[in-house]
N, C-alpha and C. Protein backbone atom coordinates (compact mmCIF):
# COMPACT_ATOMS: atom_id res chain seq x y z
N MET A 1 105.12 107.81 113.37
CA MET A 1 105.21 106.47 114.08
C MET A 1 105.52 107.00 115.69
N HIS A 2 105.56 105.37 116.26
CA HIS A 2 105.76 105.31 117.40
C HIS A 2 106.51 104.23 117.52
N LEU A 3 106.91 103.79 118.18
CA LEU A 3 107.65 102.55 119.08
C LEU A 3 107.06 101.69 118.88
N GLY A 4 106.03 100.66 118.20
CA GLY A 4 105.32 99.51 118.25
C GLY A 4 104.48 99.79 117.37
N ASP A 5 104.05 100.50 116.62
CA ASP A 5 103.49 101.34 115.66
C ASP A 5 103.34 99.82 114.26
N PHE A 6 104.95 99.99 113.94
CA PHE A 6 105.15 98.89 112.27
C PHE A 6 106.42 97.63 113.36
N GLU A 7 106.56 96.60 112.14
CA GLU A 7 107.81 95.59 112.55
C GLU A 7 108.86 95.74 111.30
N TRP A 8 108.13 95.75 110.34
CA TRP A 8 109.27 96.54 109.91
C TRP A 8 108.62 96.92 108.40
N CYS A 9 109.77 97.45 107.84
CA CYS A 9 109.46 98.57 106.23
C CYS A 9 110.75 99.05 105.61
N LEU A 10 110.45 98.65 104.36
CA LEU A 10 110.92 98.40 102.55
C LEU A 10 111.35 99.77 102.70
N PHE A 11 112.87 100.25 102.23
CA PHE A 11 112.81 101.65 101.85
C PHE A 11 113.00 102.05 101.05
N GLU A 12 113.06 102.48 100.17
CA GLU A 12 113.01 103.29 98.79
C GLU A 12 113.45 104.47 98.76
N TYR A 13 114.79 104.93 98.10
CA TYR A 13 114.99 105.63 98.14
C TYR A 13 115.42 106.43 96.25
N GLU A 14 114.34 107.14 96.41
CA GLU A 14 114.71 108.27 94.62
C GLU A 14 115.97 109.01 94.54
N ARG A 15 116.33 108.29 93.75
CA ARG A 15 117.54 109.85 93.09
C ARG A 15 116.95 109.48 91.40
N HIS A 16 116.21 110.75 90.82
CA HIS A 16 115.78 111.24 90.14
C HIS A 16 115.48 110.21 89.04
N ALA A 17 115.01 108.71 90.01
CA ALA A 17 113.90 107.91 89.45
C ALA A 17 112.73 108.79 89.25
N THR A 18 112.23 108.22 90.15
CA THR A 18 110.47 108.82 89.59
C THR A 18 110.16 110.10 88.61
N THR A 19 109.38 109.35 87.73
CA THR A 19 108.31 110.40 86.65
C THR A 19 107.47 109.71 86.63
N PRO A 20 106.18 110.88 86.97
CA PRO A 20 104.82 110.95 86.25
C PRO A 20 104.32 109.76 85.67
N ARG A 21 105.43 109.52 84.40
CA ARG A 21 105.55 108.41 83.96
C ARG A 21 106.12 106.59 84.37
N ARG A 22 106.88 107.02 85.51
CA ARG A 22 107.72 105.54 85.56
C ARG A 22 107.04 104.88 87.22
N LEU A 23 106.72 106.15 88.14
CA LEU A 23 106.04 105.55 89.16
C LEU A 23 104.77 104.56 88.64
N PRO A 24 103.83 105.26 88.60
CA PRO A 24 102.36 104.21 88.36
C PRO A 24 102.90 102.76 88.02
N THR A 25 103.58 102.63 87.42
CA THR A 25 104.27 100.75 87.27
C THR A 25 105.09 100.63 88.14
N ARG A 26 105.11 101.29 88.85
CA ARG A 26 106.31 100.71 90.29
C ARG A 26 105.71 100.73 91.41
N LEU A 27 104.89 101.12 91.57
CA LEU A 27 103.63 100.81 92.57
C LEU A 27 102.64 100.11 92.29
N ARG A 28 102.26 99.96 92.17
CA ARG A 28 101.34 98.56 91.52
C ARG A 28 101.80 97.60 91.40
N ARG A 29 103.34 97.21 91.29
CA ARG A 29 104.14 96.11 91.71
C ARG A 29 103.86 95.77 92.70
N TYR A 30 104.83 97.50 93.65
CA TYR A 30 103.49 97.35 95.63
C TYR A 30 102.70 96.41 95.87
N GLU A 31 101.99 97.27 94.93
CA GLU A 31 100.13 96.59 95.12
C GLU A 31 100.20 95.14 94.66
N ARG A 32 101.00 94.93 93.94
CA ARG A 32 100.36 93.78 93.26
C ARG A 32 101.27 92.05 94.72
N TYR A 33 102.21 92.99 95.36
CA TYR A 33 103.51 92.66 96.32
C TYR A 33 102.66 92.72 97.97
N LEU A 34 102.19 93.57 97.97
CA LEU A 34 101.25 93.13 99.96
C LEU A 34 99.96 93.21 98.88
N ARG A 35 99.74 92.59 98.45
CA ARG A 35 97.95 91.93 97.98
C ARG A 35 98.19 90.47 97.84
N SER A 36 99.85 89.87 98.06
CA SER A 36 99.92 88.51 97.74
C SER A 36 100.03 88.63 99.68
N PRO A 37 100.07 86.74 99.59
CA PRO A 37 100.35 85.79 100.75
C PRO A 37 101.45 85.93 100.81
N TYR A 38 102.61 87.01 99.72
CA TYR A 38 104.19 87.14 100.11
C TYR A 38 104.33 88.14 100.53
N ALA A 39 103.73 89.57 101.10
CA ALA A 39 104.03 89.55 101.63
C ALA A 39 103.63 89.93 103.59
N SER A 40 102.21 88.83 103.59
CA SER A 40 103.13 89.26 104.79
C SER A 40 103.63 87.91 105.75
N SER A 41 103.64 86.60 104.63
CA SER A 41 104.66 85.32 105.66
C SER A 41 106.05 86.14 105.60
N ASP A 42 106.17 87.24 104.16
CA ASP A 42 108.10 87.51 104.23
C ASP A 42 108.18 88.26 105.70
N HIS A 43 106.95 88.94 105.85
CA HIS A 43 106.73 90.17 107.22
C HIS A 43 107.28 89.70 108.61
N GLY A 44 107.01 88.30 108.44
CA GLY A 44 106.50 88.09 110.17
C GLY A 44 104.55 88.13 110.28
N GLY A 45 104.34 88.36 109.30
CA GLY A 45 102.70 88.13 109.65
C GLY A 45 102.04 90.06 109.21
N LEU A 46 103.03 90.32 108.90
CA LEU A 46 102.54 91.81 109.28
C LEU A 46 102.86 92.55 108.30
N LEU A 47 101.70 93.32 107.04
CA LEU A 47 102.52 93.77 106.41
C LEU A 47 103.09 95.15 106.14
N PRO A 48 104.53 94.83 105.26
CA PRO A 48 105.28 95.92 106.02
C PRO A 48 105.38 97.68 105.74
N VAL A 49 105.36 98.48 105.82
CA VAL A 49 105.28 100.51 105.78
C VAL A 49 106.21 100.60 104.68
N VAL A 50 105.84 100.90 103.89
CA VAL A 50 106.85 101.36 102.29
C VAL A 50 107.50 102.85 102.79
N LEU A 51 108.75 103.05 102.90
CA LEU A 51 108.95 104.21 102.77
C LEU A 51 110.07 104.95 101.64
N PHE A 52 109.20 105.73 101.30
CA PHE A 52 110.19 106.68 100.06
C PHE A 52 110.33 107.52 101.03
N VAL A 53 112.43 107.83 99.82
CA VAL A 53 112.57 108.79 100.34
C VAL A 53 113.05 109.54 98.86
N PHE A 54 112.42 110.93 98.99
CA PHE A 54 112.76 111.49 97.41
C PHE A 54 113.96 112.96 98.15
N GLU A 55 114.81 113.89 96.66
CA GLU A 55 115.64 114.19 97.22
C GLU A 55 114.83 115.78 96.85
N SER A 56 113.96 115.87 96.75
CA SER A 56 112.90 116.62 96.39
C SER A 56 111.69 117.07 96.79
N GLU A 57 110.98 118.14 97.21
CA GLU A 57 109.26 118.08 97.25
C GLU A 57 108.74 118.08 96.58
N SER A 58 109.25 118.90 94.81
CA SER A 58 108.40 118.55 93.61
C SER A 58 108.43 117.05 93.27
N ALA A 59 110.00 116.13 93.76
CA ALA A 59 109.48 114.44 93.37
C ALA A 59 108.41 113.99 94.50
N GLU A 60 108.80 114.68 95.30
CA GLU A 60 107.50 114.02 96.54
C GLU A 60 106.52 113.93 96.05
N GLU A 61 106.16 115.10 95.77
CA GLU A 61 104.44 116.14 95.63
C GLU A 61 104.37 114.45 94.47
N VAL A 62 105.30 114.49 93.18
CA VAL A 62 104.25 113.23 91.79
C VAL A 62 104.50 112.90 92.33
N PHE A 63 105.26 111.36 93.79
CA PHE A 63 104.70 110.27 93.94
C PHE A 63 102.79 110.19 94.96
N LEU A 64 103.08 111.10 95.83
CA LEU A 64 102.64 111.32 96.77
C LEU A 64 100.61 111.70 95.95
N ASN A 65 100.51 112.50 94.69
CA ASN A 65 99.55 111.78 93.17
C ASN A 65 99.75 110.53 93.04
N ALA A 66 100.47 109.91 92.92
CA ALA A 66 100.87 108.90 91.95
C ALA A 66 99.88 107.75 93.14
N ALA A 67 100.52 108.16 94.49
CA ALA A 67 100.06 106.72 95.43
C ALA A 67 98.49 107.11 96.16
N SER A 68 98.08 108.40 95.67
CA SER A 68 96.65 108.04 96.42
C SER A 68 95.80 107.41 95.81
N TRP A 69 95.90 106.58 94.04
CA TRP A 69 95.20 105.49 94.39
C TRP A 69 95.14 104.25 94.50
N LEU A 70 96.55 104.25 95.97
CA LEU A 70 96.58 103.06 96.48
C LEU A 70 95.90 103.50 98.46
N PRO A 71 94.51 103.51 99.00
CA PRO A 71 94.49 103.38 100.25
C PRO A 71 95.09 102.21 100.90
N ARG A 72 95.23 101.21 100.19
CA ARG A 72 95.27 100.26 101.20
C ARG A 72 96.89 99.57 102.04
N ALA A 73 97.63 100.39 100.71
CA ALA A 73 99.26 100.03 101.08
C ALA A 73 99.33 101.28 102.05
N LEU A 74 100.78 101.03 103.00
CA LEU A 74 101.30 101.24 103.85
C LEU A 74 102.08 102.40 103.64
N LEU A 75 102.22 102.92 103.18
CA LEU A 75 103.26 103.65 102.09
C LEU A 75 103.61 105.28 103.20
N ALA A 76 104.89 105.98 103.18
CA ALA A 76 105.29 106.79 103.72
C ALA A 76 106.09 107.20 102.74
N SER A 77 106.43 108.46 103.29
CA SER A 77 107.12 109.62 102.50
C SER A 77 107.80 110.53 103.39
N ALA A 78 109.45 111.11 102.92
CA ALA A 78 109.51 112.03 103.40
C ALA A 78 111.03 112.36 102.38
N THR A 79 111.15 113.92 102.54
CA THR A 79 112.68 114.37 100.99
C THR A 79 113.80 114.41 102.64
N THR A 80 115.02 114.67 101.75
CA THR A 80 116.44 114.22 102.61
C THR A 80 116.90 115.29 103.74
N ALA A 81 115.37 116.47 102.47
CA ALA A 81 116.21 117.76 103.61
C ALA A 81 115.23 117.69 105.09
N VAL A 82 114.21 116.72 105.57
CA VAL A 82 112.90 116.64 106.29
C VAL A 82 113.92 115.68 107.40
N LEU A 83 114.28 114.61 106.73
CA LEU A 83 115.49 113.62 107.41
C LEU A 83 116.72 114.27 107.66
N ASP A 84 116.89 115.17 107.33
CA ASP A 84 118.30 115.84 107.90
C ASP A 84 117.65 116.73 109.21
N GLU A 85 116.48 117.32 109.01
CA GLU A 85 116.52 118.25 110.11
C GLU A 85 116.12 117.28 111.51
N HIS A 86 115.33 115.84 111.14
CA HIS A 86 114.19 115.39 112.74
C HIS A 86 114.79 113.90 112.69
N GLY A 87 115.40 113.37 111.25
CA GLY A 87 116.00 112.34 111.72
C GLY A 87 115.14 111.48 110.96
N VAL A 88 115.35 110.06 110.82
CA VAL A 88 114.27 108.75 110.25
C VAL A 88 112.61 108.63 111.17
N LEU A 89 112.11 108.34 112.32
CA LEU A 89 111.92 108.69 113.12
C LEU A 89 111.37 109.87 113.89
N GLY A 90 111.36 111.44 113.72
CA GLY A 90 111.38 111.93 114.32
C GLY A 90 112.44 112.98 115.83
N PRO A 91 111.58 113.91 116.03
CA PRO A 91 113.13 114.57 117.18
C PRO A 91 113.01 112.98 118.68
N SER A 92 113.54 112.95 119.16
CA SER A 92 113.96 111.94 120.47
C SER A 92 113.88 112.53 122.03
């Protein structure tokens, strides 16, 4: 993402909490919030990007499969290894 692409970001750091059984429930909560009038008013009129960070590629894969049914939500994901190497916004 480039400067100006987003104003607000919610951050979720997943430590062993991501399972195929629990993740859809958590994502439905985000879906309800992002569709509500509160999401826009809470974040200065813009919908926030939700960044999920995972400790493993397999956990991220579970997330990507579960999140594929939420096309309107602004969801992003990364692993700690990628962030260690490239940083949150990529190379400067």
